[in-house]
Amino acid sequence: MSYIYETMYILRPDLGEELTEAAIAKYQKLLRDNNVEQIETQHRGKRRLAYEIGKYREGIYIQMNYKAEAHVVAILERAMRLSDDVIRFMTVKQEIPEPKPETVTA
């Protein structure tokens, strides 16, 4: 069963534009290779972190929304965990409101 997920990840601030785009493309390709639907990616830009992560005070924020099976999220997060370019990531399953039954009035 597919769910809608949102993954926010932070890349190292010292990556150039070319390496940032390569990292984004890598994770989009990983999702596409696992039959993910409706991939939307938003490049949020470089921002100051609320607290220092490792030795970094800033990071490049990327948000991806997609519809996938649960096991695909595990594959994506494993790839991010092993990457030196990703300093933090988080995935949230989106709540989809149930359609309300229509009331029939006579």
C-alpha atoms as a PDB file:
ATOM      1  CA  MET A   1       0.000   0.000   0.000  1.00  0.00           C
ATOM      2  CA  SER A   2       1.356   3.411  -0.945  1.00  0.00           C
ATOM      3  CA  TYR A   3       1.446   6.427   1.326  1.00  0.00           C
ATOM      4  CA  ILE A   4       2.447  10.026   0.776  1.00  0.00           C
ATOM      5  CA  TYR A   5       5.763  10.927   2.423  1.00  0.00           C
ATOM      6  CA  GLU A   6       7.728  14.101   2.935  1.00  0.00           C
ATOM      7  CA  THR A   7      11.493  13.827   3.311  1.00  0.00           C
ATOM      8  CA  MET A   8      13.441  16.910   4.339  1.00  0.00           C
ATOM      9  CA  TYR A   9      17.200  16.642   4.180  1.00  0.00           C
ATOM     10  CA  ILE A  10      20.078  19.027   4.790  1.00  0.00           C
ATOM     11  CA  LEU A  11      23.193  18.969   2.640  1.00  0.00           C
ATOM     12  CA  ARG A  12      26.606  20.288   3.657  1.00  0.00           C
ATOM     13  CA  PRO A  13      26.843  24.047   3.029  1.00  0.00           C
ATOM     14  CA  ASP A  14      30.260  23.780   1.348  1.00  0.00           C
ATOM     15  CA  LEU A  15      28.866  21.827  -1.635  1.00  0.00           C
ATOM     16  CA  GLY A  16      28.870  23.829  -4.821  1.00  0.00           C
ATOM     17  CA  GLU A  17      25.779  24.271  -6.976  1.00  0.00           C
ATOM     18  CA  GLU A  18      26.854  21.419  -9.252  1.00  0.00           C
ATOM     19  CA  LEU A  19      27.330  18.919  -6.388  1.00  0.00           C
ATOM     20  CA  THR A  20      24.053  20.028  -4.800  1.00  0.00           C
ATOM     21  CA  GLU A  21      22.166  19.374  -8.042  1.00  0.00           C
ATOM     22  CA  ALA A  22      23.941  16.000  -8.390  1.00  0.00           C
ATOM     23  CA  ALA A  23      22.854  14.983  -4.863  1.00  0.00           C
ATOM     24  CA  ILE A  24      19.243  16.006  -5.558  1.00  0.00           C
ATOM     25  CA  ALA A  25      19.253  14.062  -8.842  1.00  0.00           C
ATOM     26  CA  LYS A  26      20.742  11.011  -7.103  1.00  0.00           C
ATOM     27  CA  TYR A  27      17.899  10.781  -4.580  1.00  0.00           C
ATOM     28  CA  GLN A  28      15.230  11.482  -7.218  1.00  0.00           C
ATOM     29  CA  LYS A  29      16.676   8.675  -9.380  1.00  0.00           C
ATOM     30  CA  LEU A  30      16.727   6.317  -6.389  1.00  0.00           C
ATOM     31  CA  LEU A  31      13.018   6.985  -5.860  1.00  0.00           C
ATOM     32  CA  ARG A  32      12.176   6.608  -9.571  1.00  0.00           C
ATOM     33  CA  ASP A  33      14.099   3.318  -9.717  1.00  0.00           C
ATOM     34  CA  ASN A  34      11.807   2.043  -6.942  1.00  0.00           C
ATOM     35  CA  ASN A  35       8.571   2.915  -8.802  1.00  0.00           C
ATOM     36  CA  VAL A  36       7.724   6.020  -6.793  1.00  0.00           C
ATOM     37  CA  GLU A  37       4.937   8.266  -8.058  1.00  0.00           C
ATOM     38  CA  GLN A  38       4.470  12.031  -7.914  1.00  0.00           C
ATOM     39  CA  ILE A  39       7.957  13.171  -6.903  1.00  0.00           C
ATOM     40  CA  GLU A  40       7.997  16.867  -6.059  1.00  0.00           C
ATOM     41  CA  THR A  41      11.298  18.445  -5.037  1.00  0.00           C
ATOM     42  CA  GLN A  42      11.788  21.902  -3.551  1.00  0.00           C
ATOM     43  CA  HIS A  43      15.251  23.409  -3.190  1.00  0.00           C
ATOM     44  CA  ARG A  44      14.861  25.611  -0.096  1.00  0.00           C
ATOM     45  CA  GLY A  45      18.366  27.070  -0.305  1.00  0.00           C
ATOM     46  CA  LYS A  46      21.112  27.652   2.240  1.00  0.00           C
ATOM     47  CA  ARG A  47      19.900  28.536   5.728  1.00  0.00           C
ATOM     48  CA  ARG A  48      21.339  28.931   9.185  1.00  0.00           C
ATOM     49  CA  LEU A  49      20.816  25.873  11.395  1.00  0.00           C
ATOM     50  CA  ALA A  50      19.078  26.211  14.757  1.00  0.00           C
ATOM     51  CA  TYR A  51      22.089  24.497  16.340  1.00  0.00           C
ATOM     52  CA  GLU A  52      25.450  23.280  15.143  1.00  0.00           C
ATOM     53  CA  ILE A  53      25.450  19.861  13.470  1.00  0.00           C
ATOM     54  CA  GLY A  54      28.950  18.440  13.382  1.00  0.00           C
ATOM     55  CA  LYS A  55      31.027  21.476  12.506  1.00  0.00           C
ATOM     56  CA  TYR A  56      28.330  23.128  10.353  1.00  0.00           C
ATOM     57  CA  ARG A  57      26.304  26.229  11.260  1.00  0.00           C
ATOM     58  CA  GLU A  58      24.475  26.348   7.893  1.00  0.00           C
ATOM     59  CA  GLY A  59      22.970  23.791   5.546  1.00  0.00           C
ATOM     60  CA  ILE A  60      21.259  23.463   2.180  1.00  0.00           C
ATOM     61  CA  TYR A  61      17.644  22.413   2.735  1.00  0.00           C
ATOM     62  CA  ILE A  62      15.871  20.122   0.253  1.00  0.00           C
ATOM     63  CA  GLN A  63      12.277  18.891   0.565  1.00  0.00           C
ATOM     64  CA  MET A  64      10.834  15.947  -1.383  1.00  0.00           C
ATOM     65  CA  ASN A  65       7.194  14.884  -1.420  1.00  0.00           C
ATOM     66  CA  TYR A  66       6.326  11.537  -3.009  1.00  0.00           C
ATOM     67  CA  LYS A  67       3.937   8.601  -2.990  1.00  0.00           C
ATOM     68  CA  ALA A  68       5.686   5.317  -2.189  1.00  0.00           C
ATOM     69  CA  GLU A  69       5.622   1.979  -0.422  1.00  0.00           C
ATOM     70  CA  ALA A  70       7.062   1.948   3.108  1.00  0.00           C
ATOM     71  CA  HIS A  71      10.123  -0.136   2.172  1.00  0.00           C
ATOM     72  CA  VAL A  72      11.249   2.560  -0.307  1.00  0.00           C
ATOM     73  CA  VAL A  73      11.617   5.057   2.555  1.00  0.00           C
ATOM     74  CA  ALA A  74      14.030   2.659   4.268  1.00  0.00           C
ATOM     75  CA  ILE A  75      16.102   2.413   1.063  1.00  0.00           C
ATOM     76  CA  LEU A  76      16.200   6.215   0.692  1.00  0.00           C
ATOM     77  CA  GLU A  77      17.133   6.819   4.338  1.00  0.00           C
ATOM     78  CA  ARG A  78      19.885   4.198   4.207  1.00  0.00           C
ATOM     79  CA  ALA A  79      21.420   5.941   1.192  1.00  0.00           C
ATOM     80  CA  MET A  80      21.264   9.292   3.029  1.00  0.00           C
ATOM     81  CA  ARG A  81      22.746   7.810   6.207  1.00  0.00           C
ATOM     82  CA  LEU A  82      25.735   6.480   4.233  1.00  0.00           C
ATOM     83  CA  SER A  83      26.302   9.761   2.361  1.00  0.00           C
ATOM     84  CA  ASP A  84      28.897  12.251   3.592  1.00  0.00           C
ATOM     85  CA  ASP A  85      26.965  15.079   1.901  1.00  0.00           C
ATOM     86  CA  VAL A  86      23.774  14.717   3.988  1.00  0.00           C
ATOM     87  CA  ILE A  87      24.162  16.083   7.518  1.00  0.00           C
ATOM     88  CA  ARG A  88      20.548  15.492   8.668  1.00  0.00           C
ATOM     89  CA  PHE A  89      17.316  14.006   7.275  1.00  0.00           C
ATOM     90  CA  MET A  90      13.792  13.296   8.419  1.00  0.00           C
ATOM     91  CA  THR A  91      10.845  11.548   6.759  1.00  0.00           C
ATOM     92  CA  VAL A  92       7.224  12.088   7.767  1.00  0.00           C
ATOM     93  CA  LYS A  93       4.206  10.143   6.555  1.00  0.00           C
ATOM     94  CA  GLN A  94       1.522  12.616   5.522  1.00  0.00           C
ATOM     95  CA  GLU A  95      -1.980  12.200   6.856  1.00  0.00           C
ATOM     96  CA  ILE A  96      -4.535  11.911   4.077  1.00  0.00           C
ATOM     97  CA  PRO A  97      -8.012  12.988   5.162  1.00  0.00           C
ATOM     98  CA  GLU A  98     -10.566  10.251   4.655  1.00  0.00           C
ATOM     99  CA  PRO A  99     -13.338  11.237   2.253  1.00  0.00           C
ATOM    100  CA  LYS A 100     -16.479  11.939   4.246  1.00  0.00           C
ATOM    101  CA  PRO A 101     -19.582  10.096   3.156  1.00  0.00           C
ATOM    102  CA  GLU A 102     -22.093  12.367   1.520  1.00  0.00           C
ATOM    103  CA  THR A 103     -25.355  12.774   3.323  1.00  0.00           C
ATOM    104  CA  VAL A 104     -28.440  12.354   1.227  1.00  0.00           C
ATOM    105  CA  THR A 105     -31.328  14.675   2.015  1.00  0.00           C
ATOM    106  CA  ALA A 106     -34.765  13.851   0.758  1.00  0.00           C
END
